[in-house]
Amino acid sequence: MLVGRADELASNPERLGNVVYGGRLENGAEGTGDGYSFRERGLIQTTGRSNYAA
């Protein structure tokens, strides 16, 4: 999936986050933007909508 899109995603971190984390960890699909919004951040690398809420 990502192999054919590597050049496109390498220069766009928001799009990359949506592809990698979209549709996982209670995030919405790739098109919702949740993957980038709820990507790994913080000291313990919190990831996903439910973990951010907790």
PDB file of N, CA and C in Angstrom:
ATOM      1  N   MET A   1       0.826  -1.194   0.000  1.00  0.00           N
ATOM      2  CA  MET A   1       0.000   0.000   0.000  1.00  0.00           C
ATOM      3  C   MET A   1       0.867   1.254   0.000  1.00  0.00           C
ATOM      4  N   LEU A   2       1.782   1.370   0.928  1.00  0.00           N
ATOM      5  CA  LEU A   2       2.597   2.576   1.028  1.00  0.00           C
ATOM      6  C   LEU A   2       3.725   2.632   0.015  1.00  0.00           C
ATOM      7  N   VAL A   3       4.168   1.488  -0.484  1.00  0.00           N
ATOM      8  CA  VAL A   3       5.318   1.459  -1.379  1.00  0.00           C
ATOM      9  C   VAL A   3       5.089   2.299  -2.623  1.00  0.00           C
ATOM     10  N   GLY A   4       3.958   2.190  -3.253  1.00  0.00           N
ATOM     11  CA  GLY A   4       3.674   2.947  -4.461  1.00  0.00           C
ATOM     12  C   GLY A   4       3.430   4.423  -4.200  1.00  0.00           C
ATOM     13  N   ARG A   5       3.198   4.802  -2.954  1.00  0.00           N
ATOM     14  CA  ARG A   5       2.874   6.180  -2.610  1.00  0.00           C
ATOM     15  C   ARG A   5       4.017   6.880  -1.877  1.00  0.00           C
ATOM     16  N   ALA A   6       5.178   6.265  -1.807  1.00  0.00           N
ATOM     17  CA  ALA A   6       6.284   6.783  -1.005  1.00  0.00           C
ATOM     18  C   ALA A   6       6.676   8.212  -1.391  1.00  0.00           C
ATOM     19  N   ASP A   7       6.811   8.498  -2.657  1.00  0.00           N
ATOM     20  CA  ASP A   7       7.214   9.847  -3.089  1.00  0.00           C
ATOM     21  C   ASP A   7       6.162  10.882  -2.709  1.00  0.00           C
ATOM     22  N   GLU A   8       4.919  10.538  -2.862  1.00  0.00           N
ATOM     23  CA  GLU A   8       3.817  11.447  -2.520  1.00  0.00           C
ATOM     24  C   GLU A   8       3.797  11.736  -1.018  1.00  0.00           C
ATOM     25  N   LEU A   9       3.977  10.717  -0.212  1.00  0.00           N
ATOM     26  CA  LEU A   9       3.851  10.859   1.235  1.00  0.00           C
ATOM     27  C   LEU A   9       5.104  11.426   1.901  1.00  0.00           C
ATOM     28  N   ALA A  10       6.264  11.258   1.284  1.00  0.00           N
ATOM     29  CA  ALA A  10       7.515  11.717   1.880  1.00  0.00           C
ATOM     30  C   ALA A  10       7.544  13.224   2.088  1.00  0.00           C
ATOM     31  N   SER A  11       6.893  13.965   1.249  1.00  0.00           N
ATOM     32  CA  SER A  11       6.926  15.421   1.355  1.00  0.00           C
ATOM     33  C   SER A  11       5.669  15.996   2.004  1.00  0.00           C
ATOM     34  N   ASN A  12       4.820  15.154   2.579  1.00  0.00           N
ATOM     35  CA  ASN A  12       3.576  15.619   3.161  1.00  0.00           C
ATOM     36  C   ASN A  12       3.303  14.878   4.477  1.00  0.00           C
ATOM     37  N   PRO A  13       3.836  15.384   5.611  1.00  0.00           N
ATOM     38  CA  PRO A  13       3.683  14.664   6.873  1.00  0.00           C
ATOM     39  C   PRO A  13       2.233  14.501   7.324  1.00  0.00           C
ATOM     40  N   GLU A  14       1.372  15.456   7.013  1.00  0.00           N
ATOM     41  CA  GLU A  14      -0.034  15.332   7.403  1.00  0.00           C
ATOM     42  C   GLU A  14      -0.687  14.170   6.674  1.00  0.00           C
ATOM     43  N   ARG A  15      -0.438  14.074   5.403  1.00  0.00           N
ATOM     44  CA  ARG A  15      -1.001  12.970   4.611  1.00  0.00           C
ATOM     45  C   ARG A  15      -0.449  11.628   5.074  1.00  0.00           C
ATOM     46  N   LEU A  16       0.839  11.588   5.386  1.00  0.00           N
ATOM     47  CA  LEU A  16       1.471  10.363   5.876  1.00  0.00           C
ATOM     48  C   LEU A  16       0.823   9.908   7.184  1.00  0.00           C
ATOM     49  N   GLY A  17       0.608  10.833   8.116  1.00  0.00           N
ATOM     50  CA  GLY A  17      -0.045  10.495   9.380  1.00  0.00           C
ATOM     51  C   GLY A  17      -1.440   9.943   9.176  1.00  0.00           C
ATOM     52  N   ASN A  18      -2.169  10.529   8.233  1.00  0.00           N
ATOM     53  CA  ASN A  18      -3.523  10.048   7.952  1.00  0.00           C
ATOM     54  C   ASN A  18      -3.512   8.653   7.347  1.00  0.00           C
ATOM     55  N   VAL A  19      -2.531   8.365   6.509  1.00  0.00           N
ATOM     56  CA  VAL A  19      -2.441   7.037   5.896  1.00  0.00           C
ATOM     57  C   VAL A  19      -2.063   5.998   6.938  1.00  0.00           C
ATOM     58  N   VAL A  20      -1.078   6.309   7.780  1.00  0.00           N
ATOM     59  CA  VAL A  20      -0.568   5.332   8.742  1.00  0.00           C
ATOM     60  C   VAL A  20      -1.545   5.077   9.884  1.00  0.00           C
ATOM     61  N   TYR A  21      -2.125   6.139  10.446  1.00  0.00           N
ATOM     62  CA  TYR A  21      -2.966   5.992  11.631  1.00  0.00           C
ATOM     63  C   TYR A  21      -4.466   6.082  11.351  1.00  0.00           C
ATOM     64  N   GLY A  22      -4.866   6.424  10.150  1.00  0.00           N
ATOM     65  CA  GLY A  22      -6.288   6.499   9.819  1.00  0.00           C
ATOM     66  C   GLY A  22      -6.935   5.131   9.830  1.00  0.00           C
ATOM     67  N   GLY A  23      -8.114   5.029  10.443  1.00  0.00           N
ATOM     68  CA  GLY A  23      -8.822   3.759  10.500  1.00  0.00           C
ATOM     69  C   GLY A  23      -8.302   2.795  11.543  1.00  0.00           C
ATOM     70  N   ARG A  24      -7.385   3.244  12.386  1.00  0.00           N
ATOM     71  CA  ARG A  24      -6.824   2.404  13.445  1.00  0.00           C
ATOM     72  C   ARG A  24      -6.993   3.106  14.784  1.00  0.00           C
ATOM     73  N   LEU A  25      -7.001   2.349  15.854  1.00  0.00           N
ATOM     74  CA  LEU A  25      -7.021   2.907  17.209  1.00  0.00           C
ATOM     75  C   LEU A  25      -8.190   3.857  17.426  1.00  0.00           C
ATOM     76  N   GLU A  26      -9.345   3.473  16.910  1.00  0.00           N
ATOM     77  CA  GLU A  26     -10.583   4.251  17.004  1.00  0.00           C
ATOM     78  C   GLU A  26     -10.518   5.594  16.270  1.00  0.00           C
ATOM     79  N   ASN A  27      -9.551   5.776  15.402  1.00  0.00           N
ATOM     80  CA  ASN A  27      -9.507   6.956  14.532  1.00  0.00           C
ATOM     81  C   ASN A  27     -10.443   6.737  13.362  1.00  0.00           C
ATOM     82  N   GLY A  28     -10.911   7.850  12.767  1.00  0.00           N
ATOM     83  CA  GLY A  28     -11.733   7.743  11.572  1.00  0.00           C
ATOM     84  C   GLY A  28     -10.890   7.317  10.381  1.00  0.00           C
ATOM     85  N   ALA A  29     -11.523   7.146   9.246  1.00  0.00           N
ATOM     86  CA  ALA A  29     -10.830   6.738   8.022  1.00  0.00           C
ATOM     87  C   ALA A  29      -9.800   7.790   7.599  1.00  0.00           C
ATOM     88  N   GLU A  30      -8.978   7.445   6.638  1.00  0.00           N
ATOM     89  CA  GLU A  30      -7.897   8.316   6.159  1.00  0.00           C
ATOM     90  C   GLU A  30      -8.383   9.716   5.816  1.00  0.00           C
ATOM     91  N   GLY A  31      -9.526   9.840   5.198  1.00  0.00           N
ATOM     92  CA  GLY A  31     -10.040  11.130   4.755  1.00  0.00           C
ATOM     93  C   GLY A  31     -10.524  12.052   5.868  1.00  0.00           C
ATOM     94  N   THR A  32     -10.698  11.538   7.087  1.00  0.00           N
ATOM     95  CA  THR A  32     -11.207  12.369   8.185  1.00  0.00           C
ATOM     96  C   THR A  32     -10.144  13.261   8.808  1.00  0.00           C
ATOM     97  N   GLY A  33      -8.881  12.919   8.635  1.00  0.00           N
ATOM     98  CA  GLY A  33      -7.799  13.696   9.242  1.00  0.00           C
ATOM     99  C   GLY A  33      -7.468  13.263  10.659  1.00  0.00           C
ATOM    100  N   ASP A  34      -8.170  12.258  11.173  1.00  0.00           N
ATOM    101  CA  ASP A  34      -7.911  11.786  12.530  1.00  0.00           C
ATOM    102  C   ASP A  34      -6.515  11.190  12.688  1.00  0.00           C
ATOM    103  N   GLY A  35      -6.014  10.539  11.665  1.00  0.00           N
ATOM    104  CA  GLY A  35      -4.693   9.913  11.764  1.00  0.00           C
ATOM    105  C   GLY A  35      -3.617  10.914  12.116  1.00  0.00           C
ATOM    106  N   TYR A  36      -3.645  12.062  11.506  1.00  0.00           N
ATOM    107  CA  TYR A  36      -2.657  13.104  11.802  1.00  0.00           C
ATOM    108  C   TYR A  36      -2.971  13.774  13.136  1.00  0.00           C
ATOM    109  N   SER A  37      -4.230  14.021  13.413  1.00  0.00           N
ATOM    110  CA  SER A  37      -4.618  14.703  14.645  1.00  0.00           C
ATOM    111  C   SER A  37      -4.281  13.894  15.891  1.00  0.00           C
ATOM    112  N   PHE A  38      -4.402  12.578  15.808  1.00  0.00           N
ATOM    113  CA  PHE A  38      -4.184  11.713  16.966  1.00  0.00           C
ATOM    114  C   PHE A  38      -2.948  10.834  16.784  1.00  0.00           C
ATOM    115  N   ARG A  39      -1.905  11.397  16.186  1.00  0.00           N
ATOM    116  CA  ARG A  39      -0.663  10.658  15.986  1.00  0.00           C
ATOM    117  C   ARG A  39       0.121  10.616  17.292  1.00  0.00           C
ATOM    118  N   GLU A  40       1.233   9.857  17.296  1.00  0.00           N
ATOM    119  CA  GLU A  40       2.054   9.723  18.492  1.00  0.00           C
ATOM    120  C   GLU A  40       2.626  11.072  18.907  1.00  0.00           C
ATOM    121  N   ARG A  41       2.373  11.437  20.160  1.00  0.00           N
ATOM    122  CA  ARG A  41       2.934  12.664  20.716  1.00  0.00           C
ATOM    123  C   ARG A  41       3.123  12.506  22.211  1.00  0.00           C
ATOM    124  N   GLY A  42       3.914  13.356  22.764  1.00  0.00           N
ATOM    125  CA  GLY A  42       4.100  13.382  24.201  1.00  0.00           C
ATOM    126  C   GLY A  42       5.193  12.450  24.684  1.00  0.00           C
ATOM    127  N   LEU A  43       5.413  12.509  25.970  1.00  0.00           N
ATOM    128  CA  LEU A  43       6.490  11.745  26.595  1.00  0.00           C
ATOM    129  C   LEU A  43       6.309  10.241  26.409  1.00  0.00           C
ATOM    130  N   ILE A  44       5.079   9.757  26.505  1.00  0.00           N
ATOM    131  CA  ILE A  44       4.850   8.316  26.373  1.00  0.00           C
ATOM    132  C   ILE A  44       4.274   7.936  25.005  1.00  0.00           C
ATOM    133  N   GLN A  45       4.330   8.848  24.043  1.00  0.00           N
ATOM    134  CA  GLN A  45       3.893   8.587  22.673  1.00  0.00           C
ATOM    135  C   GLN A  45       2.438   8.126  22.596  1.00  0.00           C
ATOM    136  N   THR A  46       1.538   8.911  23.162  1.00  0.00           N
ATOM    137  CA  THR A  46       0.107   8.625  23.121  1.00  0.00           C
ATOM    138  C   THR A  46      -0.383   8.620  21.676  1.00  0.00           C
ATOM    139  N   THR A  47      -1.106   7.584  21.295  1.00  0.00           N
ATOM    140  CA  THR A  47      -1.604   7.430  19.937  1.00  0.00           C
ATOM    141  C   THR A  47      -3.063   7.001  19.961  1.00  0.00           C
ATOM    142  N   GLY A  48      -3.883   7.569  19.090  1.00  0.00           N
ATOM    143  CA  GLY A  48      -5.270   7.140  18.923  1.00  0.00           C
ATOM    144  C   GLY A  48      -6.265   7.991  19.687  1.00  0.00           C
ATOM    145  N   ARG A  49      -7.451   8.100  19.127  1.00  0.00           N
ATOM    146  CA  ARG A  49      -8.525   8.919  19.678  1.00  0.00           C
ATOM    147  C   ARG A  49      -8.876   8.532  21.114  1.00  0.00           C
ATOM    148  N   SER A  50      -9.049   7.247  21.389  1.00  0.00           N
ATOM    149  CA  SER A  50      -9.442   6.820  22.736  1.00  0.00           C
ATOM    150  C   SER A  50      -8.353   7.097  23.764  1.00  0.00           C
ATOM    151  N   ASN A  51      -7.118   6.936  23.394  1.00  0.00           N
ATOM    152  CA  ASN A  51      -6.023   7.209  24.322  1.00  0.00           C
ATOM    153  C   ASN A  51      -5.887   8.701  24.608  1.00  0.00           C
ATOM    154  N   TYR A  52      -6.147   9.553  23.630  1.00  0.00           N
ATOM    155  CA  TYR A  52      -6.110  10.986  23.863  1.00  0.00           C
ATOM    156  C   TYR A  52      -7.220  11.384  24.834  1.00  0.00           C
ATOM    157  N   ALA A  53      -8.388  10.750  24.699  1.00  0.00           N
ATOM    158  CA  ALA A  53      -9.514  11.069  25.581  1.00  0.00           C
ATOM    159  C   ALA A  53      -9.222  10.639  27.022  1.00  0.00           C
ATOM    160  N   ALA A  54      -8.529   9.519  27.168  1.00  0.00           N
ATOM    161  CA  ALA A  54      -8.216   9.004  28.506  1.00  0.00           C
ATOM    162  C   ALA A  54      -7.208   9.916  29.162  1.00  0.00           C
TER     163      ALA A  54
END
